């Protein structure tokens, strides 16, 4: 795998970040703060199913980001954790 976008992980020691083991953290961070080139990297690095599972389960994504990715991935809004409740 190519290296991750380092600017998005200012608070993490790159030597300790495992893209497979920490996939949910990485996906959340890139979806929330990534630039277009970071999103391209994410889509090339992780399967769409894994990204979708993260969008469904994440409460760290803000509502705007969750709504965008639910629409983009064809996920029902009621299945996206950050869009449920208030």
PDB file of N, CA and C in Angstrom:
ATOM      1  N   UNK A   1       0.841  -1.193   0.000  1.00  0.00           N
ATOM      2  CA  UNK A   1       0.000   0.000   0.000  1.00  0.00           C
ATOM      3  C   UNK A   1       0.879   1.246   0.000  1.00  0.00           C
ATOM      4  N   UNK A   2       0.375   2.229  -0.689  1.00  0.00           N
ATOM      5  CA  UNK A   2       1.077   3.504  -0.657  1.00  0.00           C
ATOM      6  C   UNK A   2       0.971   4.090   0.744  1.00  0.00           C
ATOM      7  N   UNK A   3       1.828   5.066   0.999  1.00  0.00           N
ATOM      8  CA  UNK A   3       1.779   5.691   2.318  1.00  0.00           C
ATOM      9  C   UNK A   3       0.527   6.549   2.445  1.00  0.00           C
ATOM     10  N   UNK A   4       0.087   6.719   3.652  1.00  0.00           N
ATOM     11  CA  UNK A   4      -1.114   7.489   3.938  1.00  0.00           C
ATOM     12  C   UNK A   4      -0.809   8.985   3.857  1.00  0.00           C
ATOM     13  N   UNK A   5      -1.852   9.824   3.776  1.00  0.00           N
ATOM     14  CA  UNK A   5      -1.652  11.272   3.730  1.00  0.00           C
ATOM     15  C   UNK A   5      -1.193  11.793   5.096  1.00  0.00           C
ATOM     16  N   UNK A   6       0.078  12.091   5.271  1.00  0.00           N
ATOM     17  CA  UNK A   6       0.615  12.430   6.593  1.00  0.00           C
ATOM     18  C   UNK A   6       0.007  13.676   7.230  1.00  0.00           C
ATOM     19  N   UNK A   7      -0.407  14.648   6.437  1.00  0.00           N
ATOM     20  CA  UNK A   7      -0.960  15.876   7.016  1.00  0.00           C
ATOM     21  C   UNK A   7      -2.229  15.613   7.821  1.00  0.00           C
ATOM     22  N   UNK A   8      -2.936  14.549   7.509  1.00  0.00           N
ATOM     23  CA  UNK A   8      -4.173  14.236   8.224  1.00  0.00           C
ATOM     24  C   UNK A   8      -3.932  13.522   9.545  1.00  0.00           C
ATOM     25  N   UNK A   9      -2.704  13.093   9.757  1.00  0.00           N
ATOM     26  CA  UNK A   9      -2.388  12.307  10.950  1.00  0.00           C
ATOM     27  C   UNK A   9      -1.296  12.990  11.771  1.00  0.00           C
ATOM     28  N   UNK A  10      -1.488  14.281  11.989  1.00  0.00           N
ATOM     29  CA  UNK A  10      -0.533  15.095  12.720  1.00  0.00           C
ATOM     30  C   UNK A  10      -0.332  14.621  14.151  1.00  0.00           C
ATOM     31  N   UNK A  11      -1.321  13.940  14.699  1.00  0.00           N
ATOM     32  CA  UNK A  11      -1.304  13.542  16.104  1.00  0.00           C
ATOM     33  C   UNK A  11      -0.907  12.085  16.313  1.00  0.00           C
ATOM     34  N   UNK A  12      -0.435  11.430  15.251  1.00  0.00           N
ATOM     35  CA  UNK A  12      -0.116  10.006  15.314  1.00  0.00           C
ATOM     36  C   UNK A  12       1.319   9.787  14.859  1.00  0.00           C
ATOM     37  N   UNK A  13       2.024   8.920  15.563  1.00  0.00           N
ATOM     38  CA  UNK A  13       3.365   8.520  15.138  1.00  0.00           C
ATOM     39  C   UNK A  13       3.202   7.601  13.930  1.00  0.00           C
ATOM     40  N   UNK A  14       3.678   8.010  12.751  1.00  0.00           N
ATOM     41  CA  UNK A  14       3.491   7.205  11.547  1.00  0.00           C
ATOM     42  C   UNK A  14       4.010   5.771  11.683  1.00  0.00           C
ATOM     43  N   UNK A  15       5.014   5.572  12.504  1.00  0.00           N
ATOM     44  CA  UNK A  15       5.571   4.230  12.690  1.00  0.00           C
ATOM     45  C   UNK A  15       4.588   3.292  13.390  1.00  0.00           C
ATOM     46  N   UNK A  16       3.616   3.843  14.107  1.00  0.00           N
ATOM     47  CA  UNK A  16       2.667   3.007  14.850  1.00  0.00           C
ATOM     48  C   UNK A  16       1.336   2.830  14.132  1.00  0.00           C
ATOM     49  N   UNK A  17       1.153   3.518  13.013  1.00  0.00           N
ATOM     50  CA  UNK A  17      -0.116   3.446  12.296  1.00  0.00           C
ATOM     51  C   UNK A  17      -0.100   2.292  11.309  1.00  0.00           C
ATOM     52  N   UNK A  18      -0.924   1.306  11.566  1.00  0.00           N
ATOM     53  CA  UNK A  18      -1.060   0.142  10.702  1.00  0.00           C
ATOM     54  C   UNK A  18      -2.353   0.317   9.906  1.00  0.00           C
ATOM     55  N   UNK A  19      -2.231   0.433   8.583  1.00  0.00           N
ATOM     56  CA  UNK A  19      -3.396   0.736   7.753  1.00  0.00           C
ATOM     57  C   UNK A  19      -4.468  -0.343   7.810  1.00  0.00           C
ATOM     58  N   UNK A  20      -4.092  -1.564   8.065  1.00  0.00           N
ATOM     59  CA  UNK A  20      -5.076  -2.640   8.165  1.00  0.00           C
ATOM     60  C   UNK A  20      -5.714  -2.674   9.552  1.00  0.00           C
ATOM     61  N   UNK A  21      -4.882  -2.682  10.575  1.00  0.00           N
ATOM     62  CA  UNK A  21      -5.380  -2.779  11.944  1.00  0.00           C
ATOM     63  C   UNK A  21      -6.137  -1.520  12.380  1.00  0.00           C
ATOM     64  N   UNK A  22      -5.723  -0.364  11.882  1.00  0.00           N
ATOM     65  CA  UNK A  22      -6.355   0.901  12.255  1.00  0.00           C
ATOM     66  C   UNK A  22      -7.220   1.452  11.122  1.00  0.00           C
ATOM     67  N   UNK A  23      -7.778   0.566  10.318  1.00  0.00           N
ATOM     68  CA  UNK A  23      -8.507   0.999   9.119  1.00  0.00           C
ATOM     69  C   UNK A  23      -9.675   1.934   9.436  1.00  0.00           C
ATOM     70  N   UNK A  24     -10.436   1.633  10.460  1.00  0.00           N
ATOM     71  CA  UNK A  24     -11.588   2.497  10.776  1.00  0.00           C
ATOM     72  C   UNK A  24     -11.130   3.914  11.124  1.00  0.00           C
ATOM     73  N   UNK A  25     -10.103   4.031  11.924  1.00  0.00           N
ATOM     74  CA  UNK A  25      -9.561   5.342  12.284  1.00  0.00           C
ATOM     75  C   UNK A  25      -9.086   6.088  11.036  1.00  0.00           C
ATOM     76  N   UNK A  26      -8.357   5.399  10.178  1.00  0.00           N
ATOM     77  CA  UNK A  26      -7.813   6.018   8.964  1.00  0.00           C
ATOM     78  C   UNK A  26      -8.954   6.460   8.048  1.00  0.00           C
ATOM     79  N   UNK A  27      -9.923   5.589   7.825  1.00  0.00           N
ATOM     80  CA  UNK A  27     -11.041   5.919   6.944  1.00  0.00           C
ATOM     81  C   UNK A  27     -11.825   7.108   7.487  1.00  0.00           C
ATOM     82  N   UNK A  28     -12.130   7.103   8.772  1.00  0.00           N
ATOM     83  CA  UNK A  28     -12.853   8.229   9.376  1.00  0.00           C
ATOM     84  C   UNK A  28     -12.099   9.536   9.179  1.00  0.00           C
ATOM     85  N   UNK A  29     -10.828   9.517   9.455  1.00  0.00           N
ATOM     86  CA  UNK A  29     -10.024  10.739   9.370  1.00  0.00           C
ATOM     87  C   UNK A  29      -9.986  11.282   7.942  1.00  0.00           C
ATOM     88  N   UNK A  30      -9.795  10.399   6.972  1.00  0.00           N
ATOM     89  CA  UNK A  30      -9.714  10.848   5.578  1.00  0.00           C
ATOM     90  C   UNK A  30     -11.082  11.331   5.091  1.00  0.00           C
ATOM     91  N   UNK A  31     -12.150  10.615   5.414  1.00  0.00           N
ATOM     92  CA  UNK A  31     -13.480  11.063   5.001  1.00  0.00           C
ATOM     93  C   UNK A  31     -13.814  12.417   5.604  1.00  0.00           C
ATOM     94  N   UNK A  32     -13.448  12.625   6.852  1.00  0.00           N
ATOM     95  CA  UNK A  32     -13.800  13.857   7.554  1.00  0.00           C
ATOM     96  C   UNK A  32     -12.956  15.051   7.115  1.00  0.00           C
ATOM     97  N   UNK A  33     -11.653  14.856   6.916  1.00  0.00           N
ATOM     98  CA  UNK A  33     -10.758  15.990   6.699  1.00  0.00           C
ATOM     99  C   UNK A  33      -9.992  15.966   5.379  1.00  0.00           C
ATOM    100  N   UNK A  34     -10.134  14.889   4.612  1.00  0.00           N
ATOM    101  CA  UNK A  34      -9.314  14.709   3.423  1.00  0.00           C
ATOM    102  C   UNK A  34      -9.628  15.653   2.278  1.00  0.00           C
ATOM    103  N   UNK A  35      -8.600  15.962   1.531  1.00  0.00           N
ATOM    104  CA  UNK A  35      -8.719  16.726   0.291  1.00  0.00           C
ATOM    105  C   UNK A  35      -8.995  15.728  -0.837  1.00  0.00           C
ATOM    106  N   UNK A  36      -9.329  16.202  -2.020  1.00  0.00           N
ATOM    107  CA  UNK A  36      -9.623  15.272  -3.123  1.00  0.00           C
ATOM    108  C   UNK A  36      -8.534  14.225  -3.361  1.00  0.00           C
ATOM    109  N   UNK A  37      -7.288  14.604  -3.290  1.00  0.00           N
ATOM    110  CA  UNK A  37      -6.208  13.625  -3.494  1.00  0.00           C
ATOM    111  C   UNK A  37      -6.154  12.596  -2.363  1.00  0.00           C
ATOM    112  N   UNK A  38      -6.534  13.004  -1.156  1.00  0.00           N
ATOM    113  CA  UNK A  38      -6.584  12.064  -0.029  1.00  0.00           C
ATOM    114  C   UNK A  38      -7.730  11.065  -0.217  1.00  0.00           C
ATOM    115  N   UNK A  39      -8.858  11.555  -0.725  1.00  0.00           N
ATOM    116  CA  UNK A  39     -10.003  10.682  -0.996  1.00  0.00           C
ATOM    117  C   UNK A  39      -9.644   9.676  -2.085  1.00  0.00           C
ATOM    118  N   UNK A  40      -8.940  10.123  -3.134  1.00  0.00           N
ATOM    119  CA  UNK A  40      -8.497   9.195  -4.186  1.00  0.00           C
ATOM    120  C   UNK A  40      -7.606   8.114  -3.593  1.00  0.00           C
ATOM    121  N   UNK A  41      -6.703   8.503  -2.704  1.00  0.00           N
ATOM    122  CA  UNK A  41      -5.830   7.525  -2.038  1.00  0.00           C
ATOM    123  C   UNK A  41      -6.677   6.525  -1.241  1.00  0.00           C
ATOM    124  N   UNK A  42      -7.659   7.036  -0.495  1.00  0.00           N
ATOM    125  CA  UNK A  42      -8.520   6.191   0.321  1.00  0.00           C
ATOM    126  C   UNK A  42      -9.262   5.172  -0.543  1.00  0.00           C
ATOM    127  N   UNK A  43      -9.839   5.635  -1.630  1.00  0.00           N
ATOM    128  CA  UNK A  43     -10.598   4.749  -2.510  1.00  0.00           C
ATOM    129  C   UNK A  43      -9.707   3.714  -3.183  1.00  0.00           C
ATOM    130  N   UNK A  44      -8.442   4.035  -3.384  1.00  0.00           N
ATOM    131  CA  UNK A  44      -7.504   3.074  -3.970  1.00  0.00           C
ATOM    132  C   UNK A  44      -6.958   2.110  -2.921  1.00  0.00           C
ATOM    133  N   UNK A  45      -7.027   2.485  -1.654  1.00  0.00           N
ATOM    134  CA  UNK A  45      -6.427   1.700  -0.581  1.00  0.00           C
ATOM    135  C   UNK A  45      -7.414   0.742   0.077  1.00  0.00           C
ATOM    136  N   UNK A  46      -8.652   1.173   0.241  1.00  0.00           N
ATOM    137  CA  UNK A  46      -9.657   0.375   0.944  1.00  0.00           C
ATOM    138  C   UNK A  46     -10.807  -0.003   0.022  1.00  0.00           C
ATOM    139  N   UNK A  47     -11.386  -1.161   0.276  1.00  0.00           N
ATOM    140  CA  UNK A  47     -12.551  -1.618  -0.481  1.00  0.00           C
ATOM    141  C   UNK A  47     -13.754  -0.737  -0.148  1.00  0.00           C
ATOM    142  N   UNK A  48     -14.617  -0.556  -1.136  1.00  0.00           N
ATOM    143  CA  UNK A  48     -15.825   0.244  -0.937  1.00  0.00           C
ATOM    144  C   UNK A  48     -16.665  -0.320   0.208  1.00  0.00           C
ATOM    145  N   UNK A  49     -16.718  -1.632   0.326  1.00  0.00           N
ATOM    146  CA  UNK A  49     -17.493  -2.256   1.410  1.00  0.00           C
ATOM    147  C   UNK A  49     -16.939  -1.858   2.777  1.00  0.00           C
ATOM    148  N   UNK A  50     -15.632  -1.782   2.911  1.00  0.00           N
ATOM    149  CA  UNK A  50     -15.028  -1.400   4.188  1.00  0.00           C
ATOM    150  C   UNK A  50     -15.291   0.073   4.498  1.00  0.00           C
ATOM    151  N   UNK A  51     -15.227   0.911   3.487  1.00  0.00           N
ATOM    152  CA  UNK A  51     -15.528   2.338   3.670  1.00  0.00           C
ATOM    153  C   UNK A  51     -16.992   2.486   4.073  1.00  0.00           C
ATOM    154  N   UNK A  52     -17.879   1.763   3.388  1.00  0.00           N
ATOM    155  CA  UNK A  52     -19.303   1.814   3.715  1.00  0.00           C
ATOM    156  C   UNK A  52     -19.594   1.342   5.124  1.00  0.00           C
ATOM    157  N   UNK A  53     -18.936   0.278   5.548  1.00  0.00           N
ATOM    158  CA  UNK A  53     -19.122  -0.222   6.915  1.00  0.00           C
ATOM    159  C   UNK A  53     -18.682   0.816   7.939  1.00  0.00           C
ATOM    160  N   UNK A  54     -17.619   1.527   7.632  1.00  0.00           N
ATOM    161  CA  UNK A  54     -17.144   2.576   8.536  1.00  0.00           C
ATOM    162  C   UNK A  54     -18.137   3.723   8.596  1.00  0.00           C
ATOM    163  N   UNK A  55     -18.658   4.141   7.447  1.00  0.00           N
ATOM    164  CA  UNK A  55     -19.651   5.223   7.421  1.00  0.00           C
ATOM    165  C   UNK A  55     -20.885   4.806   8.219  1.00  0.00           C
ATOM    166  N   UNK A  56     -21.324   3.581   8.064  1.00  0.00           N
ATOM    167  CA  UNK A  56     -22.496   3.091   8.812  1.00  0.00           C
ATOM    168  C   UNK A  56     -22.275   3.141  10.321  1.00  0.00           C
ATOM    169  N   UNK A  57     -21.095   2.744  10.773  1.00  0.00           N
ATOM    170  CA  UNK A  57     -20.846   2.567  12.204  1.00  0.00           C
ATOM    171  C   UNK A  57     -20.306   3.805  12.919  1.00  0.00           C
ATOM    172  N   UNK A  58     -19.698   4.712  12.183  1.00  0.00           N
ATOM    173  CA  UNK A  58     -18.984   5.815  12.821  1.00  0.00           C
ATOM    174  C   UNK A  58     -19.901   6.863  13.438  1.00  0.00           C
ATOM    175  N   UNK A  59     -19.572   7.218  14.647  1.00  0.00           N
ATOM    176  CA  UNK A  59     -20.220   8.364  15.298  1.00  0.00           C
ATOM    177  C   UNK A  59     -19.269   9.559  15.323  1.00  0.00           C
ATOM    178  N   UNK A  60     -18.061   9.366  14.808  1.00  0.00           N
ATOM    179  CA  UNK A  60     -17.075  10.452  14.764  1.00  0.00           C
ATOM    180  C   UNK A  60     -17.263  11.372  13.574  1.00  0.00           C
ATOM    181  N   UNK A  61     -17.890  10.868  12.515  1.00  0.00           N
ATOM    182  CA  UNK A  61     -18.136  11.708  11.350  1.00  0.00           C
ATOM    183  C   UNK A  61     -19.200  12.734  11.699  1.00  0.00           C
ATOM    184  N   UNK A  62     -19.047  13.951  11.188  1.00  0.00           N
ATOM    185  CA  UNK A  62     -20.113  14.919  11.423  1.00  0.00           C
ATOM    186  C   UNK A  62     -21.281  14.597  10.484  1.00  0.00           C
ATOM    187  N   UNK A  63     -22.421  15.193  10.754  1.00  0.00           N
ATOM    188  CA  UNK A  63     -23.647  14.879  10.000  1.00  0.00           C
ATOM    189  C   UNK A  63     -23.492  15.196   8.515  1.00  0.00           C
ATOM    190  N   UNK A  64     -22.848  16.278   8.202  1.00  0.00           N
ATOM    191  CA  UNK A  64     -22.666  16.667   6.798  1.00  0.00           C
ATOM    192  C   UNK A  64     -21.825  15.627   6.050  1.00  0.00           C
ATOM    193  N   UNK A  65     -20.730  15.208   6.657  1.00  0.00           N
ATOM    194  CA  UNK A  65     -19.861  14.201   6.044  1.00  0.00           C
ATOM    195  C   UNK A  65     -20.589  12.871   5.933  1.00  0.00           C
ATOM    196  N   UNK A  66     -21.272  12.467   6.993  1.00  0.00           N
ATOM    197  CA  UNK A  66     -22.023  11.218   6.970  1.00  0.00           C
ATOM    198  C   UNK A  66     -23.102  11.228   5.902  1.00  0.00           C
ATOM    199  N   UNK A  67     -23.788  12.333   5.762  1.00  0.00           N
ATOM    200  CA  UNK A  67     -24.845  12.453   4.764  1.00  0.00           C
ATOM    201  C   UNK A  67     -24.273  12.364   3.351  1.00  0.00           C
ATOM    202  N   UNK A  68     -23.168  13.053   3.106  1.00  0.00           N
ATOM    203  CA  UNK A  68     -22.533  13.005   1.790  1.00  0.00           C
ATOM    204  C   UNK A  68     -22.124  11.588   1.425  1.00  0.00           C
ATOM    205  N   UNK A  69     -21.423  10.916   2.346  1.00  0.00           N
ATOM    206  CA  UNK A  69     -20.924   9.580   2.036  1.00  0.00           C
ATOM    207  C   UNK A  69     -22.044   8.551   1.979  1.00  0.00           C
ATOM    208  N   UNK A  70     -23.107   8.723   2.743  1.00  0.00           N
ATOM    209  CA  UNK A  70     -24.262   7.832   2.631  1.00  0.00           C
ATOM    210  C   UNK A  70     -24.857   7.949   1.234  1.00  0.00           C
ATOM    211  N   UNK A  71     -25.009   9.168   0.753  1.00  0.00           N
ATOM    212  CA  UNK A  71     -25.538   9.392  -0.584  1.00  0.00           C
ATOM    213  C   UNK A  71     -24.591   8.821  -1.641  1.00  0.00           C
ATOM    214  N   UNK A  72     -23.316   9.118  -1.512  1.00  0.00           N
ATOM    215  CA  UNK A  72     -22.309   8.658  -2.480  1.00  0.00           C
ATOM    216  C   UNK A  72     -22.236   7.130  -2.547  1.00  0.00           C
ATOM    217  N   UNK A  73     -22.343   6.484  -1.409  1.00  0.00           N
ATOM    218  CA  UNK A  73     -22.215   5.022  -1.352  1.00  0.00           C
ATOM    219  C   UNK A  73     -23.562   4.295  -1.453  1.00  0.00           C
ATOM    220  N   UNK A  74     -24.644   5.056  -1.549  1.00  0.00           N
ATOM    221  CA  UNK A  74     -25.964   4.448  -1.664  1.00  0.00           C
ATOM    222  C   UNK A  74     -26.442   3.780  -0.386  1.00  0.00           C
ATOM    223  N   UNK A  75     -26.058   4.345   0.748  1.00  0.00           N
ATOM    224  CA  UNK A  75     -26.457   3.782   2.043  1.00  0.00           C
ATOM    225  C   UNK A  75     -27.731   4.461   2.535  1.00  0.00           C
ATOM    226  N   UNK A  76     -28.684   3.704   3.048  1.00  0.00           N
ATOM    227  CA  UNK A  76     -29.864   4.335   3.647  1.00  0.00           C
ATOM    228  C   UNK A  76     -29.454   5.197   4.843  1.00  0.00           C
ATOM    229  N   UNK A  77     -29.972   6.394   4.898  1.00  0.00           N
ATOM    230  CA  UNK A  77     -29.610   7.334   5.972  1.00  0.00           C
ATOM    231  C   UNK A  77     -29.870   6.750   7.358  1.00  0.00           C
ATOM    232  N   UNK A  78     -30.925   5.959   7.480  1.00  0.00           N
ATOM    233  CA  UNK A  78     -31.251   5.396   8.801  1.00  0.00           C
ATOM    234  C   UNK A  78     -30.235   4.362   9.261  1.00  0.00           C
ATOM    235  N   UNK A  79     -29.361   3.906   8.374  1.00  0.00           N
ATOM    236  CA  UNK A  79     -28.318   2.954   8.743  1.00  0.00           C
ATOM    237  C   UNK A  79     -27.007   3.642   9.136  1.00  0.00           C
ATOM    238  N   UNK A  80     -26.943   4.953   9.013  1.00  0.00           N
ATOM    239  CA  UNK A  80     -25.705   5.686   9.292  1.00  0.00           C
ATOM    240  C   UNK A  80     -25.769   6.239  10.710  1.00  0.00           C
ATOM    241  N   UNK A  81     -24.884   5.753  11.556  1.00  0.00           N
ATOM    242  CA  UNK A  81     -24.929   6.073  12.988  1.00  0.00           C
ATOM    243  C   UNK A  81     -24.897   7.569  13.276  1.00  0.00           C
ATOM    244  N   UNK A  82     -24.069   8.309  12.568  1.00  0.00           N
ATOM    245  CA  UNK A  82     -23.944   9.732  12.877  1.00  0.00           C
ATOM    246  C   UNK A  82     -25.173  10.538  12.440  1.00  0.00           C
ATOM    247  N   UNK A  83     -26.074   9.921  11.684  1.00  0.00           N
ATOM    248  CA  UNK A  83     -27.285  10.609  11.245  1.00  0.00           C
ATOM    249  C   UNK A  83     -28.498  10.247  12.086  1.00  0.00           C
ATOM    250  N   UNK A  84     -28.343   9.295  12.984  1.00  0.00           N
ATOM    251  CA  UNK A  84     -29.451   8.896  13.851  1.00  0.00           C
ATOM    252  C   UNK A  84     -29.458   9.746  15.102  1.00  0.00           C
ATOM    253  N   UNK A  85     -30.629  10.048  15.593  1.00  0.00           N
ATOM    254  CA  UNK A  85     -30.729  10.805  16.842  1.00  0.00           C
ATOM    255  C   UNK A  85     -30.210  12.220  16.694  1.00  0.00           C
ATOM    256  N   UNK A  86     -29.929  12.848  17.836  1.00  0.00           N
ATOM    257  CA  UNK A  86     -29.406  14.210  17.772  1.00  0.00           C
ATOM    258  C   UNK A  86     -28.236  14.412  18.644  1.00  0.00           C
TER     259      UNK A  86
END
